[in-house]
Amino acid sequence: MSFFLMGIVFKEHSNRLLSLRPSMLIVLFLFYVAIALSDERVDLYGGAFGNDYFLIFANALIAILLFSNIFNRYGRKNHYIEVLSSGTFLILGMHSLVVETISVVERKILMVTSPYVMTLGALIATCVTLLCCYWLIVWAEKHFPYLLGKSAARVK
């Protein structure tokens, strides 16, 4: 519910929130790293949510601001966010496969147990999932809109 409410606030103030100065982005990134390192590792699959739910929520909001500003500044205006948001069901279906594959590589092949390396693996899994799903969503929008929960009449 809290993310839903913050989404409404973000939408109402998007012009101001999507035009942060680079120095502010650096400060936000430093806050993000500091919070991520100060709290315990968050592992949704393992049921570990760190020490403080407020820190998780605050860090997630900072990450959303950072990624939105990066996409807004260096990508086509909100195009990537719009494409990814239209395919959330596809992302939900794919991400567990990517996360599990990368965690198997970390544990079995690389024999890594360091929480910092595992966190880096989670970030890599997120990026790989979004990259793979972006192209799958674009393809599904053109050829199989039903996979995304759309009818053929509503597709552009």
N, C-alpha and C. Protein backbone atom coordinates (compact mmCIF):
# COMPACT_ATOMS: atom_id res chain seq x y z
N MET A 1 0.82 -1.19 0.00
CA MET A 1 0.00 0.00 0.00
C MET A 1 0.87 1.26 0.00
N SER A 2 1.97 1.21 0.75
CA SER A 2 2.81 2.41 0.83
C SER A 2 3.46 2.73 -0.52
N PHE A 3 3.85 1.70 -1.29
CA PHE A 3 4.43 1.95 -2.60
C PHE A 3 3.38 2.50 -3.56
N PHE A 4 2.15 2.03 -3.42
CA PHE A 4 1.06 2.54 -4.24
C PHE A 4 0.84 4.03 -3.97
N LEU A 5 0.82 4.41 -2.70
CA LEU A 5 0.63 5.82 -2.36
C LEU A 5 1.81 6.68 -2.83
N MET A 6 3.01 6.15 -2.70
CA MET A 6 4.17 6.90 -3.17
C MET A 6 4.16 7.01 -4.69
N GLY A 7 3.60 6.03 -5.38
CA GLY A 7 3.46 6.12 -6.83
C GLY A 7 2.54 7.27 -7.23
N ILE A 8 1.48 7.48 -6.47
CA ILE A 8 0.57 8.60 -6.75
C ILE A 8 1.29 9.92 -6.52
N VAL A 9 2.03 10.03 -5.42
CA VAL A 9 2.80 11.25 -5.14
C VAL A 9 3.84 11.47 -6.23
N PHE A 10 4.52 10.42 -6.63
CA PHE A 10 5.54 10.51 -7.67
C PHE A 10 4.93 11.00 -8.98
N LYS A 11 3.77 10.49 -9.32
CA LYS A 11 3.11 10.90 -10.56
C LYS A 11 2.72 12.38 -10.52
N GLU A 12 2.24 12.85 -9.37
CA GLU A 12 1.82 14.24 -9.24
C GLU A 12 3.00 15.21 -9.30
N HIS A 13 4.16 14.79 -8.84
CA HIS A 13 5.33 15.67 -8.77
C HIS A 13 6.44 15.18 -9.69
N SER A 14 6.11 14.48 -10.76
CA SER A 14 7.12 13.85 -11.60
C SER A 14 8.04 14.86 -12.29
N ASN A 15 7.53 16.03 -12.67
CA ASN A 15 8.39 17.02 -13.33
C ASN A 15 9.55 17.42 -12.44
N ARG A 16 9.27 17.65 -11.18
CA ARG A 16 10.32 18.08 -10.26
C ARG A 16 11.22 16.90 -9.86
N LEU A 17 10.63 15.73 -9.68
CA LEU A 17 11.40 14.57 -9.25
C LEU A 17 12.27 13.97 -10.35
N LEU A 18 11.89 14.21 -11.61
CA LEU A 18 12.66 13.66 -12.72
C LEU A 18 13.70 14.63 -13.28
N SER A 19 13.89 15.75 -12.61
CA SER A 19 14.88 16.72 -13.09
C SER A 19 15.87 17.09 -11.98
N LEU A 20 16.31 16.10 -11.24
CA LEU A 20 17.28 16.35 -10.17
C LEU A 20 18.65 16.63 -10.77
N ARG A 21 19.39 17.51 -10.11
CA ARG A 21 20.75 17.84 -10.56
C ARG A 21 21.67 16.65 -10.36
N PRO A 22 22.73 16.55 -11.17
CA PRO A 22 23.68 15.43 -11.01
C PRO A 22 24.27 15.34 -9.60
N SER A 23 24.52 16.47 -8.97
CA SER A 23 25.07 16.43 -7.61
C SER A 23 24.07 15.80 -6.64
N MET A 24 22.79 16.06 -6.84
CA MET A 24 21.77 15.45 -5.99
C MET A 24 21.67 13.95 -6.24
N LEU A 25 21.85 13.55 -7.49
CA LEU A 25 21.84 12.12 -7.81
C LEU A 25 23.00 11.39 -7.14
N ILE A 26 24.16 12.04 -7.09
CA ILE A 26 25.32 11.44 -6.43
C ILE A 26 25.06 11.30 -4.93
N VAL A 27 24.47 12.33 -4.33
CA VAL A 27 24.14 12.28 -2.90
C VAL A 27 23.12 11.17 -2.64
N LEU A 28 22.10 11.06 -3.49
CA LEU A 28 21.10 10.00 -3.33
C LEU A 28 21.75 8.62 -3.47
N PHE A 29 22.67 8.47 -4.42
CA PHE A 29 23.35 7.20 -4.60
C PHE A 29 24.18 6.84 -3.36
N LEU A 30 24.86 7.82 -2.78
CA LEU A 30 25.64 7.57 -1.57
C LEU A 30 24.73 7.16 -0.40
N PHE A 31 23.56 7.82 -0.28
CA PHE A 31 22.59 7.42 0.73
C PHE A 31 22.12 5.99 0.49
N TYR A 32 21.86 5.67 -0.77
CA TYR A 32 21.40 4.33 -1.13
C TYR A 32 22.43 3.28 -0.70
N VAL A 33 23.68 3.51 -1.03
CA VAL A 33 24.75 2.55 -0.67
C VAL A 33 24.90 2.47 0.84
N ALA A 34 24.87 3.62 1.52
CA ALA A 34 25.03 3.62 2.98
C ALA A 34 23.90 2.86 3.67
N ILE A 35 22.68 3.06 3.22
CA ILE A 35 21.55 2.35 3.82
C ILE A 35 21.64 0.86 3.51
N ALA A 36 21.99 0.54 2.27
CA ALA A 36 22.09 -0.87 1.89
C ALA A 36 23.15 -1.60 2.69
N LEU A 37 24.26 -0.94 2.98
CA LEU A 37 25.33 -1.58 3.73
C LEU A 37 25.07 -1.58 5.24
N SER A 38 24.26 -0.64 5.74
CA SER A 38 24.03 -0.58 7.18
C SER A 38 22.97 -1.58 7.64
N ASP A 39 22.07 -1.96 6.76
CA ASP A 39 21.02 -2.90 7.12
C ASP A 39 21.44 -4.31 6.71
N GLU A 40 20.78 -5.29 7.27
CA GLU A 40 21.06 -6.66 6.86
C GLU A 40 20.57 -6.89 5.44
N ARG A 41 21.06 -7.94 4.82
CA ARG A 41 20.70 -8.26 3.45
C ARG A 41 19.21 -8.59 3.36
N VAL A 42 18.57 -8.04 2.33
CA VAL A 42 17.17 -8.33 2.08
C VAL A 42 17.10 -9.46 1.06
N ASP A 43 16.45 -10.54 1.44
CA ASP A 43 16.30 -11.69 0.56
C ASP A 43 14.84 -12.11 0.59
N LEU A 44 14.09 -11.68 -0.41
CA LEU A 44 12.66 -11.96 -0.43
C LEU A 44 12.38 -13.45 -0.54
N TYR A 45 13.23 -14.17 -1.28
CA TYR A 45 13.03 -15.61 -1.42
C TYR A 45 13.31 -16.34 -0.11
N GLY A 46 14.28 -15.84 0.63
CA GLY A 46 14.63 -16.49 1.90
C GLY A 46 13.83 -15.98 3.08
N GLY A 47 13.00 -14.98 2.88
CA GLY A 47 12.19 -14.44 3.96
C GLY A 47 12.96 -13.52 4.90
N ALA A 48 14.09 -12.99 4.45
CA ALA A 48 14.88 -12.06 5.28
C ALA A 48 14.62 -10.64 4.79
N PHE A 49 14.16 -9.80 5.70
CA PHE A 49 13.80 -8.43 5.33
C PHE A 49 14.63 -7.39 6.06
N GLY A 50 15.82 -7.75 6.49
CA GLY A 50 16.69 -6.79 7.15
C GLY A 50 16.24 -6.49 8.56
N ASN A 51 16.80 -5.45 9.13
CA ASN A 51 16.48 -5.08 10.51
C ASN A 51 15.31 -4.12 10.61
N ASP A 52 15.11 -3.32 9.59
CA ASP A 52 14.14 -2.23 9.69
C ASP A 52 13.36 -2.10 8.39
N TYR A 53 12.05 -2.25 8.47
CA TYR A 53 11.22 -2.13 7.28
C TYR A 53 11.25 -0.72 6.71
N PHE A 54 11.38 0.28 7.58
CA PHE A 54 11.43 1.66 7.11
C PHE A 54 12.66 1.87 6.23
N LEU A 55 13.80 1.28 6.60
CA LEU A 55 15.01 1.42 5.78
C LEU A 55 14.83 0.76 4.42
N ILE A 56 14.16 -0.37 4.38
CA ILE A 56 13.90 -1.04 3.11
C ILE A 56 13.04 -0.14 2.23
N PHE A 57 11.98 0.42 2.80
CA PHE A 57 11.07 1.29 2.06
C PHE A 57 11.81 2.54 1.57
N ALA A 58 12.58 3.18 2.46
CA ALA A 58 13.31 4.39 2.08
C ALA A 58 14.33 4.08 0.98
N ASN A 59 15.02 2.96 1.10
CA ASN A 59 16.02 2.60 0.10
C ASN A 59 15.37 2.28 -1.24
N ALA A 60 14.23 1.65 -1.21
CA ALA A 60 13.51 1.35 -2.45
C ALA A 60 13.07 2.64 -3.14
N LEU A 61 12.61 3.61 -2.36
CA LEU A 61 12.20 4.90 -2.95
C LEU A 61 13.39 5.63 -3.55
N ILE A 62 14.53 5.58 -2.87
CA ILE A 62 15.74 6.22 -3.41
C ILE A 62 16.14 5.53 -4.71
N ALA A 63 16.08 4.20 -4.75
CA ALA A 63 16.43 3.46 -5.98
C ALA A 63 15.48 3.83 -7.11
N ILE A 64 14.20 3.96 -6.82
CA ILE A 64 13.22 4.34 -7.85
C ILE A 64 13.55 5.73 -8.39
N LEU A 65 13.86 6.67 -7.50
CA LEU A 65 14.23 8.03 -7.93
C LEU A 65 15.49 8.01 -8.80
N LEU A 66 16.49 7.24 -8.38
CA LEU A 66 17.74 7.16 -9.14
C LEU A 66 17.51 6.60 -10.54
N PHE A 67 16.86 5.45 -10.62
CA PHE A 67 16.63 4.82 -11.92
C PHE A 67 15.74 5.68 -12.81
N SER A 68 14.72 6.29 -12.24
CA SER A 68 13.84 7.15 -13.04
C SER A 68 14.59 8.34 -13.60
N ASN A 69 15.45 8.94 -12.80
CA ASN A 69 16.23 10.08 -13.28
C ASN A 69 17.24 9.67 -14.33
N ILE A 70 17.86 8.51 -14.15
CA ILE A 70 18.83 8.04 -15.14
C ILE A 70 18.13 7.77 -16.47
N PHE A 71 16.99 7.07 -16.43
CA PHE A 71 16.25 6.80 -17.66
C PHE A 71 15.76 8.10 -18.29
N ASN A 72 15.32 9.03 -17.48
CA ASN A 72 14.81 10.29 -18.00
C ASN A 72 15.92 11.12 -18.63
N ARG A 73 17.10 11.07 -18.04
CA ARG A 73 18.21 11.89 -18.52
C ARG A 73 18.91 11.28 -19.73
N TYR A 74 19.11 9.96 -19.72
CA TYR A 74 19.94 9.33 -20.74
C TYR A 74 19.16 8.45 -21.72
N GLY A 75 17.91 8.24 -21.48
CA GLY A 75 17.11 7.42 -22.38
C GLY A 75 16.02 8.26 -23.02
N ARG A 76 15.24 7.60 -23.83
CA ARG A 76 14.09 8.30 -24.37
C ARG A 76 13.13 8.54 -23.23
N LYS A 77 12.56 9.72 -23.16
CA LYS A 77 11.76 10.15 -22.02
C LYS A 77 10.74 9.09 -21.61
N ASN A 78 11.01 8.44 -20.50
CA ASN A 78 10.13 7.47 -19.87
C ASN A 78 9.77 6.28 -20.75
N HIS A 79 10.36 6.15 -21.91
CA HIS A 79 10.01 5.04 -22.80
C HIS A 79 10.31 3.69 -22.15
N TYR A 80 11.48 3.54 -21.56
CA TYR A 80 11.86 2.28 -20.96
C TYR A 80 10.96 1.94 -19.77
N ILE A 81 10.65 2.94 -18.97
CA ILE A 81 9.79 2.72 -17.82
C ILE A 81 8.39 2.32 -18.27
N GLU A 82 7.89 2.97 -19.31
CA GLU A 82 6.55 2.63 -19.82
C GLU A 82 6.52 1.21 -20.37
N VAL A 83 7.55 0.83 -21.10
CA VAL A 83 7.59 -0.53 -21.66
C VAL A 83 7.67 -1.55 -20.53
N LEU A 84 8.56 -1.34 -19.57
CA LEU A 84 8.71 -2.29 -18.48
C LEU A 84 7.45 -2.36 -17.61
N SER A 85 6.79 -1.22 -17.41
CA SER A 85 5.58 -1.25 -16.58
C SER A 85 4.42 -1.92 -17.29
N SER A 86 4.45 -1.96 -18.62
CA SER A 86 3.37 -2.64 -19.34
C SER A 86 3.54 -4.15 -19.30
N GLY A 87 4.69 -4.63 -18.89
CA GLY A 87 4.95 -6.06 -18.88
C GLY A 87 5.30 -6.61 -17.52
N THR A 88 4.67 -6.10 -16.47
CA THR A 88 5.04 -6.56 -15.12
C THR A 88 4.75 -8.04 -14.91
N PHE A 89 3.69 -8.57 -15.54
CA PHE A 89 3.41 -10.00 -15.39
C PHE A 89 4.53 -10.83 -16.01
N LEU A 90 5.04 -10.40 -17.13
CA LEU A 90 6.13 -11.11 -17.78
C LEU A 90 7.40 -11.05 -16.91
N ILE A 91 7.66 -9.89 -16.33
CA ILE A 91 8.82 -9.74 -15.45
C ILE A 91 8.67 -10.63 -14.22
N LEU A 92 7.47 -10.65 -13.64
CA LEU A 92 7.25 -11.50 -12.46
C LEU A 92 7.46 -12.98 -12.80
N GLY A 93 7.08 -13.36 -14.00
CA GLY A 93 7.26 -14.75 -14.40
C GLY A 93 8.70 -15.10 -14.70
N MET A 94 9.47 -14.15 -15.20
CA MET A 94 10.85 -14.42 -15.62
C MET A 94 11.89 -14.24 -14.52
N HIS A 95 11.63 -13.33 -13.58
CA HIS A 95 12.71 -12.96 -12.67
C HIS A 95 13.16 -14.10 -11.77
N SER A 96 12.26 -14.98 -11.39
CA SER A 96 12.68 -16.07 -10.51
C SER A 96 13.65 -17.01 -11.22
N LEU A 97 13.47 -17.20 -12.53
CA LEU A 97 14.40 -18.05 -13.28
C LEU A 97 15.80 -17.43 -13.33
N VAL A 98 15.86 -16.14 -13.58
CA VAL A 98 17.16 -15.46 -13.66
C VAL A 98 17.83 -15.41 -12.30
N VAL A 99 17.07 -15.07 -11.26
CA VAL A 99 17.63 -14.98 -9.91
C VAL A 99 18.16 -16.34 -9.47
N GLU A 100 17.39 -17.39 -9.71
CA GLU A 100 17.82 -18.73 -9.31
C GLU A 100 19.07 -19.17 -10.07
N THR A 101 19.13 -18.86 -11.36
CA THR A 101 20.30 -19.23 -12.15
C THR A 101 21.55 -18.53 -11.64
N ILE A 102 21.45 -17.23 -11.39
CA ILE A 102 22.62 -16.49 -10.91
C ILE A 102 23.01 -16.93 -9.50
N SER A 103 22.05 -17.22 -8.65
CA SER A 103 22.41 -17.66 -7.30
C SER A 103 23.06 -19.05 -7.32
N VAL A 104 22.65 -19.91 -8.23
CA VAL A 104 23.32 -21.22 -8.37
C VAL A 104 24.76 -21.03 -8.83
N VAL A 105 24.97 -20.12 -9.78
CA VAL A 105 26.33 -19.84 -10.25
C VAL A 105 27.17 -19.30 -9.09
N GLU A 106 26.59 -18.39 -8.28
CA GLU A 106 27.33 -17.84 -7.14
C GLU A 106 27.73 -18.92 -6.15
N ARG A 107 26.76 -19.74 -5.76
CA ARG A 107 27.00 -20.72 -4.69
C ARG A 107 27.76 -21.95 -5.15
N LYS A 108 27.39 -22.51 -6.27
CA LYS A 108 27.94 -23.80 -6.69
C LYS A 108 29.23 -23.68 -7.49
N ILE A 109 29.26 -22.74 -8.44
CA ILE A 109 30.42 -22.64 -9.31
C ILE A 109 31.49 -21.73 -8.71
N LEU A 110 31.06 -20.52 -8.29
CA LEU A 110 32.04 -19.58 -7.73
C LEU A 110 32.30 -19.80 -6.25
N MET A 111 31.42 -20.56 -5.59
CA MET A 111 31.51 -20.84 -4.15
C MET A 111 31.63 -19.57 -3.33
N VAL A 112 30.76 -18.62 -3.63
CA VAL A 112 30.78 -17.32 -2.95
C VAL A 112 29.72 -17.31 -1.88
N THR A 113 30.11 -16.87 -0.68
CA THR A 113 29.14 -16.71 0.40
C THR A 113 29.18 -15.32 1.00
N SER A 114 30.02 -14.45 0.49
CA SER A 114 30.13 -13.10 1.01
C SER A 114 28.82 -12.33 0.73
N PRO A 115 28.27 -11.66 1.75
CA PRO A 115 27.02 -10.93 1.52
C PRO A 115 27.17 -9.80 0.51
N TYR A 116 28.35 -9.20 0.42
CA TYR A 116 28.56 -8.12 -0.54
C TYR A 116 28.55 -8.63 -1.97
N VAL A 117 29.19 -9.79 -2.20
CA VAL A 117 29.19 -10.38 -3.53
C VAL A 117 27.79 -10.88 -3.88
N MET A 118 27.07 -11.42 -2.91
CA MET A 118 25.71 -11.88 -3.15
C MET A 118 24.78 -10.71 -3.48
N THR A 119 25.02 -9.57 -2.84
CA THR A 119 24.23 -8.37 -3.15
C THR A 119 24.55 -7.89 -4.56
N LEU A 120 25.81 -7.93 -4.93
CA LEU A 120 26.19 -7.59 -6.30
C LEU A 120 25.54 -8.55 -7.29
N GLY A 121 25.47 -9.81 -6.94
CA GLY A 121 24.79 -10.79 -7.78
C GLY A 121 23.31 -10.47 -7.93
N ALA A 122 22.69 -9.98 -6.86
CA ALA A 122 21.27 -9.60 -6.93
C ALA A 122 21.08 -8.41 -7.87
N LEU A 123 22.01 -7.46 -7.81
CA LEU A 123 21.92 -6.30 -8.72
C LEU A 123 22.11 -6.74 -10.18
N ILE A 124 23.05 -7.65 -10.39
CA ILE A 124 23.27 -8.17 -11.75
C ILE A 124 22.03 -8.92 -12.22
N ALA A 125 21.43 -9.71 -11.33
CA ALA A 125 20.21 -10.44 -11.70
C ALA A 125 19.08 -9.49 -12.07
N THR A 126 18.97 -8.39 -11.35
CA THR A 126 17.94 -7.40 -11.66
C THR A 126 18.16 -6.81 -13.04
N CYS A 127 19.39 -6.41 -13.32
CA CYS A 127 19.70 -5.81 -14.62
C CYS A 127 19.49 -6.81 -15.76
N VAL A 128 19.94 -8.05 -15.57
CA VAL A 128 19.77 -9.06 -16.62
C VAL A 128 18.28 -9.34 -16.85
N THR A 129 17.51 -9.42 -15.77
CA THR A 129 16.07 -9.64 -15.90
C THR A 129 15.41 -8.52 -16.68
N LEU A 130 15.72 -7.28 -16.33
CA LEU A 130 15.09 -6.14 -17.01
C LEU A 130 15.53 -6.07 -18.47
N LEU A 131 16.79 -6.35 -18.75
CA LEU A 131 17.25 -6.35 -20.14
C LEU A 131 16.57 -7.43 -20.97
N CYS A 132 16.49 -8.62 -20.41
CA CYS A 132 15.83 -9.72 -21.14
C CYS A 132 14.35 -9.43 -21.32
N CYS A 133 13.71 -8.98 -20.27
CA CYS A 133 12.27 -8.76 -20.33
C CYS A 133 11.90 -7.57 -21.20
N TYR A 134 12.76 -6.57 -21.29
CA TYR A 134 12.45 -5.41 -22.12
C TYR A 134 12.17 -5.85 -23.56
N TRP A 135 13.08 -6.65 -24.10
CA TRP A 135 12.90 -7.09 -25.49
C TRP A 135 11.76 -8.08 -25.63
N LEU A 136 11.53 -8.91 -24.63
CA LEU A 136 10.38 -9.81 -24.66
C LEU A 136 9.06 -9.04 -24.62
N ILE A 137 9.02 -7.97 -23.85
CA ILE A 137 7.81 -7.15 -23.75
C ILE A 137 7.54 -6.44 -25.07
N VAL A 138 8.59 -5.87 -25.68
CA VAL A 138 8.43 -5.21 -26.97
C VAL A 138 7.90 -6.20 -28.00
N TRP A 139 8.46 -7.41 -28.02
CA TRP A 139 8.02 -8.44 -28.96
C TRP A 139 6.58 -8.85 -28.67
N ALA A 140 6.25 -9.03 -27.39
CA ALA A 140 4.90 -9.46 -27.02
C ALA A 140 3.87 -8.38 -27.33
N GLU A 141 4.23 -7.11 -27.18
CA GLU A 141 3.30 -6.03 -27.52
C GLU A 141 2.91 -6.07 -28.99
N LYS A 142 3.86 -6.42 -29.84
CA LYS A 142 3.59 -6.45 -31.29
C LYS A 142 2.86 -7.72 -31.71
N HIS A 143 3.27 -8.87 -31.17
CA HIS A 143 2.79 -10.14 -31.69
C HIS A 143 1.77 -10.86 -30.80
N PHE A 144 1.95 -10.78 -29.49
CA PHE A 144 1.08 -11.50 -28.56
C PHE A 144 0.68 -10.60 -27.39
N PRO A 145 -0.16 -9.60 -27.63
CA PRO A 145 -0.54 -8.69 -26.53
C PRO A 145 -1.29 -9.39 -25.41
N TYR A 146 -1.85 -10.55 -25.69
CA TYR A 146 -2.56 -11.30 -24.65
C TYR A 146 -1.64 -11.74 -23.53
N LEU A 147 -0.36 -11.95 -23.84
CA LEU A 147 0.61 -12.31 -22.81
C LEU A 147 0.79 -11.21 -21.78
N LEU A 148 0.50 -9.98 -22.19
CA LEU A 148 0.66 -8.83 -21.31
C LEU A 148 -0.67 -8.40 -20.70
N GLY A 149 -1.71 -9.17 -20.92
CA GLY A 149 -3.01 -8.84 -20.37
C GLY A 149 -3.78 -7.80 -21.18
N LYS A 150 -3.44 -7.65 -22.45
CA LYS A 150 -4.10 -6.68 -23.30
C LYS A 150 -4.90 -7.39 -24.37
N SER A 151 -5.97 -6.74 -24.79
CA SER A 151 -6.70 -7.29 -25.93
C SER A 151 -6.14 -6.68 -27.20
N ALA A 152 -6.36 -7.30 -28.31
CA ALA A 152 -5.81 -6.83 -29.59
C ALA A 152 -6.38 -5.47 -29.94
N ALA A 153 -7.58 -5.14 -29.49
CA ALA A 153 -8.20 -3.86 -29.82
C ALA A 153 -7.50 -2.70 -29.12
N ARG A 154 -6.88 -2.95 -27.95
CA ARG A 154 -6.27 -1.85 -27.20
C ARG A 154 -4.79 -1.63 -27.55
N VAL A 155 -4.23 -2.48 -28.32
CA VAL A 155 -2.81 -2.38 -28.66
C VAL A 155 -2.63 -1.29 -29.70
N LYS A 156 -1.52 -0.53 -29.59
CA LYS A 156 -1.23 0.58 -30.51
C LYS A 156 -1.02 0.09 -31.91
